[in-house]
Structure formats: C-alpha cells, structure tokens
Amino acid sequence: MPIHDWTRVSSGTWHAFHLAWIAEIQNALNGGCLPPDYYALAEQIIGPFGPDVLTLQETPHNDWTATHSDGGIALETSPP
C-alpha cells in the first residue's frame, strides 16, 4: 500500500480505513494465501505486542493434550 499523509483526514476516517484494511488482510490470508494448517486472526495479543493481524498454526488436539495434560477447564453454568 502506498504511504499516505493521514494528517489530512479526520481521525474517524483513518480509523474506519484501518479497521477495514485489517479485515481485508485477514480475509486474504484466510482465503488461500496461507498453508492449510495456518490461519489469521485480527487484533490478537501476543506477549507485549498487539499486531493488527496475527498468523497462527493449528495444533492438532491430540498433540496439545499429550504435552499439556496437567491442566483443566472450569465452567460456571449459572450466575454467582
């Protein structure tokens, strides 16, 4: 994308463009640009970083449980 002078538009215009651009990047990546076991998610947090779009690799469920069997899941089914 060419560099633009975003000081010439309102902050709302820039924000709207930025959100649309993030969605387009995610859609393009998930639309066939990535290998089959990869996918992209918008606005994910990874450590101290918050990239616009993050590309992740799927881990088969069996592989994850084989290496992380010391945890559990708690689910509240009614309000406290």
PDB file of N, CA and C in Angstrom:
ATOM      1  N   MET A   1       0.839  -1.176   0.000  1.00  0.00           N
ATOM      2  CA  MET A   1       0.000   0.000   0.000  1.00  0.00           C
ATOM      3  C   MET A   1       0.884   1.240   0.000  1.00  0.00           C
ATOM      4  N   PRO A   2       0.599   2.226  -0.842  1.00  0.00           N
ATOM      5  CA  PRO A   2       1.390   3.454  -0.826  1.00  0.00           C
ATOM      6  C   PRO A   2       1.227   4.188   0.503  1.00  0.00           C
ATOM      7  N   ILE A   3       2.253   4.912   0.860  1.00  0.00           N
ATOM      8  CA  ILE A   3       2.188   5.698   2.095  1.00  0.00           C
ATOM      9  C   ILE A   3       1.327   6.927   1.834  1.00  0.00           C
ATOM     10  N   HIS A   4       0.416   7.210   2.760  1.00  0.00           N
ATOM     11  CA  HIS A   4      -0.474   8.365   2.647  1.00  0.00           C
ATOM     12  C   HIS A   4      -0.224   9.311   3.804  1.00  0.00           C
ATOM     13  N   ASP A   5      -0.575  10.556   3.616  1.00  0.00           N
ATOM     14  CA  ASP A   5      -0.482  11.545   4.689  1.00  0.00           C
ATOM     15  C   ASP A   5      -1.812  11.537   5.433  1.00  0.00           C
ATOM     16  N   TRP A   6      -1.881  10.724   6.487  1.00  0.00           N
ATOM     17  CA  TRP A   6      -3.133  10.563   7.224  1.00  0.00           C
ATOM     18  C   TRP A   6      -3.473  11.765   8.086  1.00  0.00           C
ATOM     19  N   THR A   7      -2.568  12.780   8.150  1.00  0.00           N
ATOM     20  CA  THR A   7      -2.899  14.006   8.883  1.00  0.00           C
ATOM     21  C   THR A   7      -3.893  14.855   8.108  1.00  0.00           C
ATOM     22  N   ARG A   8      -4.153  14.503   6.848  1.00  0.00           N
ATOM     23  CA  ARG A   8      -5.082  15.272   6.019  1.00  0.00           C
ATOM     24  C   ARG A   8      -6.529  14.794   6.127  1.00  0.00           C
ATOM     25  N   VAL A   9      -6.772  13.749   6.884  1.00  0.00           N
ATOM     26  CA  VAL A   9      -8.139  13.251   7.064  1.00  0.00           C
ATOM     27  C   VAL A   9      -8.468  13.236   8.548  1.00  0.00           C
ATOM     28  N   SER A  10      -9.741  13.158   8.856  1.00  0.00           N
ATOM     29  CA  SER A  10     -10.156  13.119  10.262  1.00  0.00           C
ATOM     30  C   SER A  10      -9.737  11.792  10.887  1.00  0.00           C
ATOM     31  N   SER A  11      -9.647  11.775  12.211  1.00  0.00           N
ATOM     32  CA  SER A  11      -9.268  10.541  12.891  1.00  0.00           C
ATOM     33  C   SER A  11     -10.309   9.448  12.654  1.00  0.00           C
ATOM     34  N   GLY A  12     -11.565   9.814  12.507  1.00  0.00           N
ATOM     35  CA  GLY A  12     -12.610   8.831  12.219  1.00  0.00           C
ATOM     36  C   GLY A  12     -12.427   8.180  10.866  1.00  0.00           C
ATOM     37  N   THR A  13     -12.018   8.960   9.868  1.00  0.00           N
ATOM     38  CA  THR A  13     -11.767   8.419   8.537  1.00  0.00           C
ATOM     39  C   THR A  13     -10.611   7.438   8.578  1.00  0.00           C
ATOM     40  N   TRP A  14      -9.524   7.825   9.256  1.00  0.00           N
ATOM     41  CA  TRP A  14      -8.366   6.939   9.357  1.00  0.00           C
ATOM     42  C   TRP A  14      -8.741   5.655  10.093  1.00  0.00           C
ATOM     43  N   HIS A  15      -9.475   5.776  11.198  1.00  0.00           N
ATOM     44  CA  HIS A  15      -9.849   4.597  11.993  1.00  0.00           C
ATOM     45  C   HIS A  15     -10.722   3.648  11.172  1.00  0.00           C
ATOM     46  N   ALA A  16     -11.681   4.192  10.433  1.00  0.00           N
ATOM     47  CA  ALA A  16     -12.549   3.360   9.604  1.00  0.00           C
ATOM     48  C   ALA A  16     -11.738   2.621   8.535  1.00  0.00           C
ATOM     49  N   PHE A  17     -10.806   3.317   7.904  1.00  0.00           N
ATOM     50  CA  PHE A  17      -9.960   2.684   6.907  1.00  0.00           C
ATOM     51  C   PHE A  17      -9.113   1.587   7.541  1.00  0.00           C
ATOM     52  N   HIS A  18      -8.519   1.885   8.699  1.00  0.00           N
ATOM     53  CA  HIS A  18      -7.642   0.931   9.371  1.00  0.00           C
ATOM     54  C   HIS A  18      -8.392  -0.350   9.715  1.00  0.00           C
ATOM     55  N   LEU A  19      -9.602  -0.225  10.249  1.00  0.00           N
ATOM     56  CA  LEU A  19     -10.402  -1.417  10.576  1.00  0.00           C
ATOM     57  C   LEU A  19     -10.740  -2.222   9.329  1.00  0.00           C
ATOM     58  N   ALA A  20     -11.112  -1.539   8.250  1.00  0.00           N
ATOM     59  CA  ALA A  20     -11.439  -2.239   7.008  1.00  0.00           C
ATOM     60  C   ALA A  20     -10.203  -2.933   6.436  1.00  0.00           C
ATOM     61  N   TRP A  21      -9.057  -2.280   6.517  1.00  0.00           N
ATOM     62  CA  TRP A  21      -7.810  -2.843   5.985  1.00  0.00           C
ATOM     63  C   TRP A  21      -7.423  -4.098   6.759  1.00  0.00           C
ATOM     64  N   ILE A  22      -7.565  -4.066   8.087  1.00  0.00           N
ATOM     65  CA  ILE A  22      -7.273  -5.242   8.911  1.00  0.00           C
ATOM     66  C   ILE A  22      -8.150  -6.419   8.471  1.00  0.00           C
ATOM     67  N   ALA A  23      -9.425  -6.171   8.285  1.00  0.00           N
ATOM     68  CA  ALA A  23     -10.346  -7.242   7.869  1.00  0.00           C
ATOM     69  C   ALA A  23      -9.969  -7.782   6.496  1.00  0.00           C
ATOM     70  N   GLU A  24      -9.587  -6.908   5.579  1.00  0.00           N
ATOM     71  CA  GLU A  24      -9.201  -7.361   4.235  1.00  0.00           C
ATOM     72  C   GLU A  24      -7.941  -8.217   4.271  1.00  0.00           C
ATOM     73  N   ILE A  25      -6.966  -7.829   5.094  1.00  0.00           N
ATOM     74  CA  ILE A  25      -5.745  -8.624   5.223  1.00  0.00           C
ATOM     75  C   ILE A  25      -6.074 -10.001   5.786  1.00  0.00           C
ATOM     76  N   GLN A  26      -6.878 -10.035   6.854  1.00  0.00           N
ATOM     77  CA  GLN A  26      -7.271 -11.314   7.451  1.00  0.00           C
ATOM     78  C   GLN A  26      -8.015 -12.175   6.440  1.00  0.00           C
ATOM     79  N   ASN A  27      -8.955 -11.591   5.715  1.00  0.00           N
ATOM     80  CA  ASN A  27      -9.728 -12.349   4.723  1.00  0.00           C
ATOM     81  C   ASN A  27      -8.838 -12.881   3.602  1.00  0.00           C
ATOM     82  N   ALA A  28      -7.886 -12.077   3.141  1.00  0.00           N
ATOM     83  CA  ALA A  28      -6.989 -12.522   2.077  1.00  0.00           C
ATOM     84  C   ALA A  28      -6.129 -13.686   2.558  1.00  0.00           C
ATOM     85  N   LEU A  29      -5.583 -13.564   3.770  1.00  0.00           N
ATOM     86  CA  LEU A  29      -4.747 -14.638   4.304  1.00  0.00           C
ATOM     87  C   LEU A  29      -5.554 -15.919   4.488  1.00  0.00           C
ATOM     88  N   ASN A  30      -6.755 -15.805   5.030  1.00  0.00           N
ATOM     89  CA  ASN A  30      -7.590 -16.990   5.255  1.00  0.00           C
ATOM     90  C   ASN A  30      -8.261 -17.482   3.980  1.00  0.00           C
ATOM     91  N   GLY A  31      -8.198 -16.698   2.914  1.00  0.00           N
ATOM     92  CA  GLY A  31      -8.816 -17.076   1.653  1.00  0.00           C
ATOM     93  C   GLY A  31      -7.918 -17.901   0.752  1.00  0.00           C
ATOM     94  N   GLY A  32      -6.790 -18.359   1.255  1.00  0.00           N
ATOM     95  CA  GLY A  32      -5.949 -19.231   0.453  1.00  0.00           C
ATOM     96  C   GLY A  32      -4.491 -18.813   0.367  1.00  0.00           C
ATOM     97  N   CYS A  33      -4.114 -17.715   0.987  1.00  0.00           N
ATOM     98  CA  CYS A  33      -2.721 -17.265   0.934  1.00  0.00           C
ATOM     99  C   CYS A  33      -1.818 -18.016   1.912  1.00  0.00           C
ATOM    100  N   LEU A  34      -2.403 -18.707   2.867  1.00  0.00           N
ATOM    101  CA  LEU A  34      -1.616 -19.402   3.887  1.00  0.00           C
ATOM    102  C   LEU A  34      -1.636 -20.913   3.647  1.00  0.00           C
ATOM    103  N   PRO A  35      -0.636 -21.616   4.160  1.00  0.00           N
ATOM    104  CA  PRO A  35      -0.677 -23.081   4.090  1.00  0.00           C
ATOM    105  C   PRO A  35      -1.923 -23.613   4.810  1.00  0.00           C
ATOM    106  N   PRO A  36      -2.350 -24.831   4.500  1.00  0.00           N
ATOM    107  CA  PRO A  36      -3.600 -25.368   5.050  1.00  0.00           C
ATOM    108  C   PRO A  36      -3.695 -25.381   6.578  1.00  0.00           C
ATOM    109  N   ASP A  37      -2.589 -25.546   7.285  1.00  0.00           N
ATOM    110  CA  ASP A  37      -2.672 -25.636   8.743  1.00  0.00           C
ATOM    111  C   ASP A  37      -2.421 -24.297   9.432  1.00  0.00           C
ATOM    112  N   TYR A  38      -2.486 -23.194   8.693  1.00  0.00           N
ATOM    113  CA  TYR A  38      -2.329 -21.858   9.259  1.00  0.00           C
ATOM    114  C   TYR A  38      -3.616 -21.065   9.088  1.00  0.00           C
ATOM    115  N   TYR A  39      -3.812 -20.083   9.967  1.00  0.00           N
ATOM    116  CA  TYR A  39      -4.960 -19.184   9.858  1.00  0.00           C
ATOM    117  C   TYR A  39      -4.581 -17.839  10.459  1.00  0.00           C
ATOM    118  N   ALA A  40      -5.323 -16.807  10.097  1.00  0.00           N
ATOM    119  CA  ALA A  40      -5.050 -15.458  10.585  1.00  0.00           C
ATOM    120  C   ALA A  40      -6.215 -14.974  11.432  1.00  0.00           C
ATOM    121  N   LEU A  41      -5.882 -14.255  12.509  1.00  0.00           N
ATOM    122  CA  LEU A  41      -6.877 -13.631  13.373  1.00  0.00           C
ATOM    123  C   LEU A  41      -6.510 -12.159  13.561  1.00  0.00           C
ATOM    124  N   ALA A  42      -7.503 -11.310  13.562  1.00  0.00           N
ATOM    125  CA  ALA A  42      -7.273  -9.878  13.752  1.00  0.00           C
ATOM    126  C   ALA A  42      -7.181  -9.532  15.233  1.00  0.00           C
ATOM    127  N   GLU A  43      -6.349  -8.537  15.523  1.00  0.00           N
ATOM    128  CA  GLU A  43      -6.219  -7.911  16.835  1.00  0.00           C
ATOM    129  C   GLU A  43      -6.049  -8.895  17.989  1.00  0.00           C
ATOM    130  N   GLN A  44      -5.112  -9.792  17.850  1.00  0.00           N
ATOM    131  CA  GLN A  44      -4.779 -10.723  18.919  1.00  0.00           C
ATOM    132  C   GLN A  44      -3.581 -10.171  19.700  1.00  0.00           C
ATOM    133  N   ILE A  45      -3.473 -10.508  20.951  1.00  0.00           N
ATOM    134  CA  ILE A  45      -2.355 -10.072  21.787  1.00  0.00           C
ATOM    135  C   ILE A  45      -1.388 -11.237  21.934  1.00  0.00           C
ATOM    136  N   ILE A  46      -0.118 -10.977  21.686  1.00  0.00           N
ATOM    137  CA  ILE A  46       0.917 -11.998  21.826  1.00  0.00           C
ATOM    138  C   ILE A  46       2.069 -11.360  22.590  1.00  0.00           C
ATOM    139  N   GLY A  47       2.185 -11.711  23.862  1.00  0.00           N
ATOM    140  CA  GLY A  47       3.212 -11.093  24.707  1.00  0.00           C
ATOM    141  C   GLY A  47       2.971  -9.602  24.804  1.00  0.00           C
ATOM    142  N   PRO A  48       4.016  -8.799  24.642  1.00  0.00           N
ATOM    143  CA  PRO A  48       3.842  -7.350  24.740  1.00  0.00           C
ATOM    144  C   PRO A  48       3.358  -6.715  23.431  1.00  0.00           C
ATOM    145  N   PHE A  49       3.093  -7.517  22.410  1.00  0.00           N
ATOM    146  CA  PHE A  49       2.722  -7.000  21.098  1.00  0.00           C
ATOM    147  C   PHE A  49       1.237  -7.174  20.832  1.00  0.00           C
ATOM    148  N   GLY A  50       0.667  -6.287  20.044  1.00  0.00           N
ATOM    149  CA  GLY A  50      -0.720  -6.380  19.610  1.00  0.00           C
ATOM    150  C   GLY A  50      -0.810  -6.107  18.124  1.00  0.00           C
ATOM    151  N   PRO A  51      -0.349  -7.063  17.280  1.00  0.00           N
ATOM    152  CA  PRO A  51      -0.350  -6.825  15.840  1.00  0.00           C
ATOM    153  C   PRO A  51      -1.767  -6.700  15.291  1.00  0.00           C
ATOM    154  N   ASP A  52      -1.898  -6.019  14.165  1.00  0.00           N
ATOM    155  CA  ASP A  52      -3.210  -5.901  13.529  1.00  0.00           C
ATOM    156  C   ASP A  52      -3.747  -7.268  13.127  1.00  0.00           C
ATOM    157  N   VAL A  53      -2.903  -8.088  12.529  1.00  0.00           N
ATOM    158  CA  VAL A  53      -3.292  -9.439  12.114  1.00  0.00           C
ATOM    159  C   VAL A  53      -2.186 -10.394  12.530  1.00  0.00           C
ATOM    160  N   LEU A  54      -2.558 -11.477  13.163  1.00  0.00           N
ATOM    161  CA  LEU A  54      -1.611 -12.478  13.635  1.00  0.00           C
ATOM    162  C   LEU A  54      -1.876 -13.776  12.893  1.00  0.00           C
ATOM    163  N   THR A  55      -0.820 -14.387  12.371  1.00  0.00           N
ATOM    164  CA  THR A  55      -0.942 -15.672  11.697  1.00  0.00           C
ATOM    165  C   THR A  55      -0.544 -16.773  12.664  1.00  0.00           C
ATOM    166  N   LEU A  56      -1.402 -17.761  12.809  1.00  0.00           N
ATOM    167  CA  LEU A  56      -1.194 -18.851  13.759  1.00  0.00           C
ATOM    168  C   LEU A  56      -1.192 -20.184  13.030  1.00  0.00           C
ATOM    169  N   GLN A  57      -0.578 -21.182  13.652  1.00  0.00           N
ATOM    170  CA  GLN A  57      -0.583 -22.526  13.089  1.00  0.00           C
ATOM    171  C   GLN A  57      -1.440 -23.410  13.968  1.00  0.00           C
ATOM    172  N   GLU A  58      -2.317 -24.178  13.339  1.00  0.00           N
ATOM    173  CA  GLU A  58      -3.164 -25.097  14.087  1.00  0.00           C
ATOM    174  C   GLU A  58      -2.323 -26.197  14.716  1.00  0.00           C
ATOM    175  N   THR A  59      -2.680 -26.572  15.931  1.00  0.00           N
ATOM    176  CA  THR A  59      -2.065 -27.700  16.610  1.00  0.00           C
ATOM    177  C   THR A  59      -3.145 -28.755  16.783  1.00  0.00           C
ATOM    178  N   PRO A  60      -2.945 -29.934  16.255  1.00  0.00           N
ATOM    179  CA  PRO A  60      -3.957 -30.971  16.442  1.00  0.00           C
ATOM    180  C   PRO A  60      -4.257 -31.165  17.930  1.00  0.00           C
ATOM    181  N   HIS A  61      -5.509 -31.372  18.259  1.00  0.00           N
ATOM    182  CA  HIS A  61      -5.940 -31.515  19.655  1.00  0.00           C
ATOM    183  C   HIS A  61      -5.157 -32.607  20.377  1.00  0.00           C
ATOM    184  N   ASN A  62      -4.929 -33.714  19.728  1.00  0.00           N
ATOM    185  CA  ASN A  62      -4.207 -34.815  20.370  1.00  0.00           C
ATOM    186  C   ASN A  62      -2.784 -34.427  20.728  1.00  0.00           C
ATOM    187  N   ASP A  63      -2.116 -33.657  19.861  1.00  0.00           N
ATOM    188  CA  ASP A  63      -0.750 -33.214  20.154  1.00  0.00           C
ATOM    189  C   ASP A  63      -0.722 -32.296  21.365  1.00  0.00           C
ATOM    190  N   TRP A  64      -1.700 -31.399  21.463  1.00  0.00           N
ATOM    191  CA  TRP A  64      -1.715 -30.452  22.577  1.00  0.00           C
ATOM    192  C   TRP A  64      -1.958 -31.176  23.900  1.00  0.00           C
ATOM    193  N   THR A  65      -2.914 -32.080  23.962  1.00  0.00           N
ATOM    194  CA  THR A  65      -3.215 -32.755  25.224  1.00  0.00           C
ATOM    195  C   THR A  65      -2.086 -33.672  25.657  1.00  0.00           C
ATOM    196  N   ALA A  66      -1.342 -34.193  24.697  1.00  0.00           N
ATOM    197  CA  ALA A  66      -0.229 -35.086  25.048  1.00  0.00           C
ATOM    198  C   ALA A  66       0.880 -34.326  25.768  1.00  0.00           C
ATOM    199  N   THR A  67       1.024 -33.038  25.468  1.00  0.00           N
ATOM    200  CA  THR A  67       2.101 -32.264  26.093  1.00  0.00           C
ATOM    201  C   THR A  67       1.603 -31.346  27.205  1.00  0.00           C
ATOM    202  N   HIS A  68       0.296 -31.188  27.358  1.00  0.00           N
ATOM    203  CA  HIS A  68      -0.259 -30.278  28.358  1.00  0.00           C
ATOM    204  C   HIS A  68      -1.370 -30.969  29.153  1.00  0.00           C
ATOM    205  N   SER A  69      -1.068 -32.048  29.807  1.00  0.00           N
ATOM    206  CA  SER A  69      -2.103 -32.814  30.491  1.00  0.00           C
ATOM    207  C   SER A  69      -2.259 -32.428  31.956  1.00  0.00           C
ATOM    208  N   ASP A  70      -1.547 -31.381  32.418  1.00  0.00           N
ATOM    209  CA  ASP A  70      -1.608 -31.028  33.840  1.00  0.00           C
ATOM    210  C   ASP A  70      -2.620 -29.927  34.139  1.00  0.00           C
ATOM    211  N   GLY A  71      -3.503 -29.617  33.206  1.00  0.00           N
ATOM    212  CA  GLY A  71      -4.470 -28.548  33.418  1.00  0.00           C
ATOM    213  C   GLY A  71      -5.884 -29.058  33.400  1.00  0.00           C
ATOM    214  N   GLY A  72      -6.821 -28.119  33.530  1.00  0.00           N
ATOM    215  CA  GLY A  72      -8.229 -28.461  33.491  1.00  0.00           C
ATOM    216  C   GLY A  72      -9.038 -27.274  33.037  1.00  0.00           C
ATOM    217  N   ILE A  73     -10.326 -27.468  32.896  1.00  0.00           N
ATOM    218  CA  ILE A  73     -11.216 -26.396  32.467  1.00  0.00           C
ATOM    219  C   ILE A  73     -12.312 -26.264  33.511  1.00  0.00           C
ATOM    220  N   ALA A  74     -12.596 -25.033  33.910  1.00  0.00           N
ATOM    221  CA  ALA A  74     -13.697 -24.763  34.825  1.00  0.00           C
ATOM    222  C   ALA A  74     -14.763 -23.966  34.066  1.00  0.00           C
ATOM    223  N   LEU A  75     -16.013 -24.303  34.226  1.00  0.00           N
ATOM    224  CA  LEU A  75     -17.093 -23.634  33.531  1.00  0.00           C
ATOM    225  C   LEU A  75     -18.206 -23.356  34.522  1.00  0.00           C
ATOM    226  N   GLU A  76     -18.556 -22.087  34.674  1.00  0.00           N
ATOM    227  CA  GLU A  76     -19.666 -21.682  35.544  1.00  0.00           C
ATOM    228  C   GLU A  76     -20.934 -21.743  34.704  1.00  0.00           C
ATOM    229  N   THR A  77     -21.898 -22.551  35.118  1.00  0.00           N
ATOM    230  CA  THR A  77     -23.114 -22.719  34.329  1.00  0.00           C
ATOM    231  C   THR A  77     -24.263 -21.836  34.790  1.00  0.00           C
ATOM    232  N   SER A  78     -24.116 -21.170  35.922  1.00  0.00           N
ATOM    233  CA  SER A  78     -25.149 -20.239  36.399  1.00  0.00           C
ATOM    234  C   SER A  78     -24.462 -19.044  37.058  1.00  0.00           C
ATOM    235  N   PRO A  79     -25.138 -17.899  37.078  1.00  0.00           N
ATOM    236  CA  PRO A  79     -24.521 -16.705  37.693  1.00  0.00           C
ATOM    237  C   PRO A  79     -24.226 -16.936  39.173  1.00  0.00           C
ATOM    238  N   PRO A  80     -23.199 -16.291  39.689  1.00  0.00           N
ATOM    239  CA  PRO A  80     -22.878 -16.443  41.131  1.00  0.00           C
ATOM    240  C   PRO A  80     -23.955 -15.866  42.020  1.00  0.00           C
TER     241      PRO A  80
END
